[in-house]
Protein backbone atom coordinates (compact mmCIF):
# COMPACT_ATOMS: atom_id res chain seq x y z
CA MET A 1 -123.84 -51.74 -112.79
CA LYS A 2 -120.34 -50.53 -113.55
CA SER A 3 -121.43 -46.84 -113.69
CA THR A 4 -123.20 -47.14 -110.29
CA ALA A 5 -120.01 -48.54 -108.75
CA ASN A 6 -117.96 -45.73 -110.34
CA LYS A 7 -120.40 -43.09 -109.02
CA SER A 8 -120.23 -44.60 -105.52
CA PHE A 9 -116.44 -44.68 -105.66
CA PHE A 10 -116.20 -41.01 -106.74
CA LEU A 11 -118.80 -39.99 -104.14
CA ALA A 12 -116.76 -41.73 -101.44
CA ILE A 13 -113.58 -39.94 -102.57
CA ALA A 14 -115.40 -36.58 -102.62
CA LEU A 15 -116.79 -37.14 -99.11
CA PHE A 16 -113.35 -38.18 -97.84
CA GLY A 17 -111.87 -35.00 -99.34
CA ILE A 18 -114.51 -32.82 -97.68
CA ILE A 19 -113.86 -34.48 -94.30
CA LEU A 20 -110.11 -34.02 -94.67
CA SER A 21 -110.40 -30.38 -95.71
CA SER A 22 -112.74 -29.54 -92.81
CA ASN A 23 -110.22 -31.05 -90.33
CA ALA A 24 -107.13 -29.74 -92.09
CA GLN A 25 -104.20 -28.30 -90.23
CA LYS A 26 -103.82 -24.59 -90.70
CA ASN A 27 -101.08 -22.10 -89.91
CA TYR A 28 -101.98 -19.09 -87.74
CA GLU A 29 -100.15 -15.88 -86.82
CA LEU A 30 -100.18 -14.16 -83.43
CA ASN A 31 -102.35 -11.06 -83.83
CA THR A 32 -102.09 -7.67 -82.16
CA LYS A 33 -104.70 -8.44 -79.48
CA GLN A 34 -102.39 -10.04 -76.97
CA ASN A 35 -101.39 -9.55 -73.36
CA PHE A 36 -98.34 -10.90 -71.59
CA SER A 37 -97.91 -10.06 -67.89
CA VAL A 38 -95.39 -10.79 -65.15
CA PHE A 39 -96.53 -10.54 -61.54
CA GLY A 40 -94.23 -10.48 -58.53
CA THR A 41 -93.81 -9.26 -54.99
CA SER A 42 -91.33 -7.14 -53.12
CA THR A 43 -90.83 -5.93 -49.56
CA LEU A 44 -92.45 -2.65 -50.68
CA HIS A 45 -95.44 -3.78 -52.80
CA ASP A 46 -96.74 -6.31 -55.31
CA TRP A 47 -95.93 -5.37 -58.90
CA GLU A 48 -96.87 -6.11 -62.50
CA MET A 49 -95.12 -5.62 -65.82
CA LYS A 50 -96.95 -5.93 -69.16
CA SER A 51 -96.21 -6.40 -72.84
CA SER A 52 -98.27 -6.65 -75.99
CA GLY A 53 -95.26 -6.87 -78.30
CA GLY A 54 -94.96 -10.53 -79.15
CA THR A 55 -94.71 -12.25 -82.50
CA GLY A 56 -95.40 -15.86 -83.24
CA ASN A 57 -97.11 -18.55 -85.20
CA ALA A 58 -98.98 -21.76 -84.57
CA ASN A 59 -100.47 -24.72 -86.35
CA PHE A 60 -103.92 -25.91 -85.25
CA SER A 61 -106.50 -28.38 -86.51
CA VAL A 62 -110.00 -26.94 -86.19
CA ALA A 63 -113.38 -28.30 -87.28
CA ASP A 64 -116.85 -26.94 -86.59
CA SER A 65 -115.37 -24.18 -84.37
CA LYS A 66 -113.69 -26.80 -82.18
CA LEU A 67 -109.97 -27.08 -81.59
CA LEU A 68 -109.02 -30.67 -82.41
CA GLU A 69 -105.23 -30.49 -82.29
CA ILE A 70 -102.49 -28.09 -81.28
CA ASN A 71 -99.61 -29.06 -83.53
CA ALA A 72 -97.11 -26.23 -83.04
CA ILE A 73 -96.68 -22.90 -81.25
CA ALA A 74 -93.65 -20.59 -81.31
CA ILE A 75 -93.65 -17.16 -79.67
CA ASN A 76 -90.97 -14.47 -79.38
CA LEU A 77 -91.34 -11.53 -77.03
CA LEU A 78 -88.87 -8.65 -77.05
CA SER A 79 -87.44 -8.58 -73.52
CA GLU A 80 -87.53 -4.79 -73.36
CA SER A 81 -91.17 -4.66 -74.49
CA ILE A 82 -92.13 -5.58 -70.92
CA LYS A 83 -92.98 -2.37 -69.08
CA SER A 84 -94.01 -1.45 -65.54
CA GLY A 85 -94.72 2.22 -66.17
CA LYS A 86 -91.76 3.13 -63.94
CA SER A 87 -88.44 3.67 -65.72
CA THR A 88 -86.29 2.73 -62.69
CA MET A 89 -88.15 -0.55 -62.25
CA ASP A 90 -87.89 -1.27 -65.99
CA LYS A 91 -84.13 -0.67 -65.91
CA ILE A 92 -83.69 -3.09 -62.99
CA ALA A 93 -85.88 -5.67 -64.76
CA TYR A 94 -83.84 -5.40 -67.99
CA GLU A 95 -80.60 -5.87 -66.06
CA THR A 96 -82.11 -8.97 -64.41
CA LEU A 97 -83.27 -10.31 -67.79
CA LYS A 98 -79.82 -9.58 -69.26
CA THR A 99 -81.47 -7.82 -72.20
CA LYS A 100 -78.20 -6.46 -73.59
CA LYS A 101 -77.24 -10.04 -74.43
CA PHE A 102 -80.64 -11.79 -74.65
CA LYS A 103 -83.05 -9.66 -76.68
CA THR A 104 -86.02 -12.06 -76.67
CA ILE A 105 -88.02 -14.31 -74.42
CA LYS A 106 -89.09 -17.42 -76.34
CA TYR A 107 -91.62 -20.22 -76.08
CA VAL A 108 -91.70 -23.33 -78.28
CA LEU A 109 -94.35 -26.04 -77.89
CA LYS A 110 -93.19 -29.64 -77.55
CA THR A 111 -96.47 -31.50 -76.85
CA ALA A 112 -100.16 -30.73 -76.38
CA GLU A 113 -102.65 -32.91 -74.54
CA LYS A 114 -106.38 -32.23 -74.64
CA VAL A 115 -108.06 -32.28 -71.21
CA ASN A 116 -111.58 -31.33 -72.36
CA GLU A 117 -113.28 -29.18 -75.02
CA SER A 118 -111.66 -25.96 -73.85
CA THR A 119 -108.67 -27.01 -71.73
CA TRP A 120 -105.27 -28.26 -72.88
CA ASN A 121 -102.01 -29.14 -71.12
CA LEU A 122 -99.11 -27.77 -73.14
CA THR A 123 -95.51 -28.78 -72.54
CA GLY A 124 -93.02 -26.38 -74.02
CA THR A 125 -89.64 -24.77 -73.64
CA TYR A 126 -89.43 -21.27 -72.21
CA THR A 127 -86.14 -19.42 -72.82
CA ILE A 128 -85.67 -16.46 -70.49
CA ALA A 129 -82.37 -14.59 -69.92
CA GLY A 130 -80.63 -17.19 -72.08
CA VAL A 131 -81.74 -20.18 -69.97
CA SER A 132 -84.15 -22.77 -71.41
CA LYS A 133 -86.51 -24.79 -69.24
CA GLU A 134 -89.34 -27.14 -70.14
CA LEU A 135 -92.59 -26.37 -68.32
CA LYS A 136 -96.16 -27.62 -68.41
CA THR A 137 -98.85 -24.97 -68.85
CA GLN A 138 -102.60 -25.50 -68.63
CA VAL A 139 -104.43 -23.24 -71.09
CA LYS A 140 -108.04 -22.38 -71.74
CA THR A 141 -108.87 -22.21 -75.45
CA ILE A 142 -111.62 -20.33 -77.25
CA VAL A 143 -112.36 -20.60 -80.99
CA THR A 144 -114.40 -17.71 -82.42
CA ASN A 145 -114.76 -16.52 -86.02
CA GLY A 146 -111.40 -17.93 -87.15
CA THR A 147 -109.52 -16.66 -84.08
CA ILE A 148 -108.01 -19.08 -81.58
CA SER A 149 -107.43 -17.63 -78.11
CA LEU A 150 -105.15 -19.17 -75.49
CA GLN A 151 -105.22 -18.06 -71.85
CA GLY A 152 -102.98 -19.41 -69.12
CA SER A 153 -100.27 -18.83 -66.56
CA ASN A 154 -97.10 -20.34 -65.11
CA LYS A 155 -95.36 -19.93 -61.80
CA ILE A 156 -91.59 -19.69 -62.09
CA THR A 157 -88.67 -18.46 -60.02
CA PHE A 158 -85.79 -16.18 -60.86
CA ASP A 159 -83.43 -19.03 -59.84
CA GLU A 160 -84.88 -21.46 -62.40
CA PHE A 161 -83.74 -19.19 -65.20
CA GLY A 162 -80.34 -18.28 -63.78
CA MET A 163 -81.42 -14.83 -62.61
CA LYS A 164 -80.95 -13.23 -59.21
CA ALA A 165 -84.05 -11.65 -57.65
CA PRO A 166 -83.44 -7.91 -57.96
CA THR A 167 -83.02 -5.44 -55.13
CA ALA A 168 -83.23 -1.65 -55.00
CA LEU A 169 -82.18 1.19 -52.72
CA PHE A 170 -78.99 -0.55 -51.59
CA GLY A 171 -80.83 -3.78 -50.79
CA THR A 172 -83.56 -2.27 -48.64
CA ILE A 173 -86.21 -3.27 -51.20
CA LYS A 174 -86.07 -6.93 -52.15
CA THR A 175 -88.03 -8.74 -54.82
CA GLY A 176 -89.54 -12.13 -54.00
CA ASN A 177 -88.05 -15.09 -55.90
CA GLU A 178 -91.41 -16.28 -57.30
CA LEU A 179 -93.04 -14.86 -60.43
CA THR A 180 -96.30 -15.53 -62.24
CA LEU A 181 -96.32 -15.33 -66.04
CA LYS A 182 -99.80 -14.75 -67.48
CA PHE A 183 -100.87 -14.57 -71.10
CA ASN A 184 -104.00 -14.00 -73.13
CA ILE A 185 -103.05 -14.39 -76.80
CA ASN A 186 -104.94 -14.65 -80.07
CA PHE A 187 -104.01 -16.35 -83.33
CA ASN A 188 -105.65 -15.66 -86.73
C-alpha cells in the first residue's frame, strides 16, 4: 500500500514538472527579420521611412504553439537606421529626431493584456528624441516553429515627443504633425 502511494506521489510530481516546463517562461531575442516603418504626409507627398536595424529581447510564455503570456519586451532602434532613400529627407529627419544627442528610439513594455488567441493590447513606454510617453498598442501575434511575430502600429504626433514637424525649401514644403509607426518584428 505504501509503495502504491509513493508511486502515485512521484507520478504526480513528474506530471506537475512536465506541465510547468511546457508552460515555462522563455527569453527571446529580436531576430534579423524585422521591419520598422514611419509614415507621414507633407504638402508635397506622403512619405515613408524604414529601418530593419533594431535590437531587443522579450520574455514570453508559450505552450502548444500558443502565446500564453507576454512578460517583457525591450527594443532599441538606432535613430539613424531609419532611411527614406533620399539623403536630404534623412538629414531633416535626423535633425528632427535630435540624433546627435539621442542615438536610439526605445520601447519598454509595461503591461500586456490578451484580447483573443492572436491579439494583445500592450502598454509600453516609447522614448523618441529624448521624450518618453506611455502608449497602448494593439498587436497581432503569430507563433510558428519557435518564432514569435508581433505586428502592429501606433499613431503619434511630432508634438507628443517634443519635436517640431519639419519643413523644407524655406517652409514651402511642410510635414503634417501626425505620424504612423508600424512594425513587424520576430523573436527567436
